[in-house]
Amino acid sequence: MGRPPTRPIDFRDGFYIEIRNKGAQTGIKIRRDTKEEMMDAVKEYGKSKEVIVLGEYKKGKKVKG
């Protein structure tokens, strides 16, 4: 078992969601290319996990809207 990463994540272009176990403080971030793919992933993971929609990112920054 290694040391956890210390530097922040570099966001690529796409749509992001964060998936956590219910009641957990941290989770993993998952990227999808399109909004439709992201919404399908939300439905799939939402059955057993806590899902937080982070939204769209371009050039490492969050897109407003």
Protein backbone atom coordinates (compact mmCIF):
# COMPACT_ATOMS: atom_id res chain seq x y z
CA MET A 1 0.00 0.00 0.00
CA GLY A 2 1.49 3.29 -1.09
CA ARG A 3 1.28 6.87 -0.11
CA PRO A 4 -1.77 8.85 -1.27
CA PRO A 5 -1.25 11.47 -4.00
CA THR A 6 -0.41 14.95 -2.75
CA ARG A 7 -0.79 17.12 -5.83
CA PRO A 8 -4.21 18.23 -7.08
CA ILE A 9 -5.86 16.56 -10.06
CA ASP A 10 -5.30 18.07 -13.55
CA PHE A 11 -8.70 18.27 -15.20
CA ARG A 12 -8.82 17.38 -18.90
CA ASP A 13 -11.63 18.52 -21.20
CA GLY A 14 -14.86 16.71 -20.40
CA PHE A 15 -17.61 16.22 -17.84
CA TYR A 16 -16.76 15.10 -14.30
CA ILE A 17 -18.58 13.35 -11.48
CA GLU A 18 -17.31 12.34 -8.06
CA ILE A 19 -18.31 8.95 -6.69
CA ARG A 20 -18.20 8.12 -2.96
CA ASN A 21 -19.35 5.36 -0.71
CA LYS A 22 -22.36 6.52 1.28
CA GLY A 23 -21.17 8.48 4.31
CA ALA A 24 -17.55 8.77 3.09
CA GLN A 25 -15.58 12.03 3.08
CA THR A 26 -13.61 11.47 -0.14
CA GLY A 27 -14.22 9.73 -3.43
CA ILE A 28 -12.89 9.30 -6.94
CA LYS A 29 -13.44 11.60 -9.89
CA ILE A 30 -14.60 10.09 -13.18
CA ARG A 31 -14.48 11.86 -16.56
CA ARG A 32 -16.84 11.35 -19.48
CA ASP A 33 -16.63 12.93 -22.95
CA THR A 34 -20.26 13.99 -23.32
CA LYS A 35 -23.03 15.13 -21.01
CA GLU A 36 -25.20 12.15 -22.03
CA GLU A 37 -22.44 9.69 -21.03
CA MET A 38 -22.04 11.52 -17.71
CA MET A 39 -25.78 11.29 -16.98
CA ASP A 40 -25.76 7.55 -17.81
CA ALA A 41 -22.90 7.10 -15.33
CA VAL A 42 -24.84 9.06 -12.68
CA LYS A 43 -27.79 6.69 -13.07
CA GLU A 44 -25.56 3.61 -12.98
CA TYR A 45 -23.48 4.58 -9.93
CA GLY A 46 -26.37 6.27 -8.12
CA LYS A 47 -27.93 2.91 -7.30
CA SER A 48 -25.22 2.01 -4.80
CA LYS A 49 -22.99 5.09 -4.35
CA GLU A 50 -23.25 8.77 -3.53
CA VAL A 51 -22.73 10.78 -6.74
CA ILE A 52 -21.76 14.45 -6.97
CA VAL A 53 -21.89 16.13 -10.39
CA LEU A 54 -18.89 18.43 -10.78
CA GLY A 55 -19.79 19.66 -14.27
CA GLU A 56 -17.86 20.51 -17.42
CA TYR A 57 -14.17 21.45 -17.50
CA LYS A 58 -12.15 22.95 -20.36
CA LYS A 59 -8.42 23.69 -20.26
CA GLY A 60 -8.35 22.75 -16.58
CA LYS A 61 -11.04 25.27 -15.55
CA LYS A 62 -14.71 24.79 -14.76
CA VAL A 63 -17.12 26.04 -17.42
CA LYS A 64 -19.80 28.31 -15.99
CA GLY A 65 -23.38 27.55 -16.83
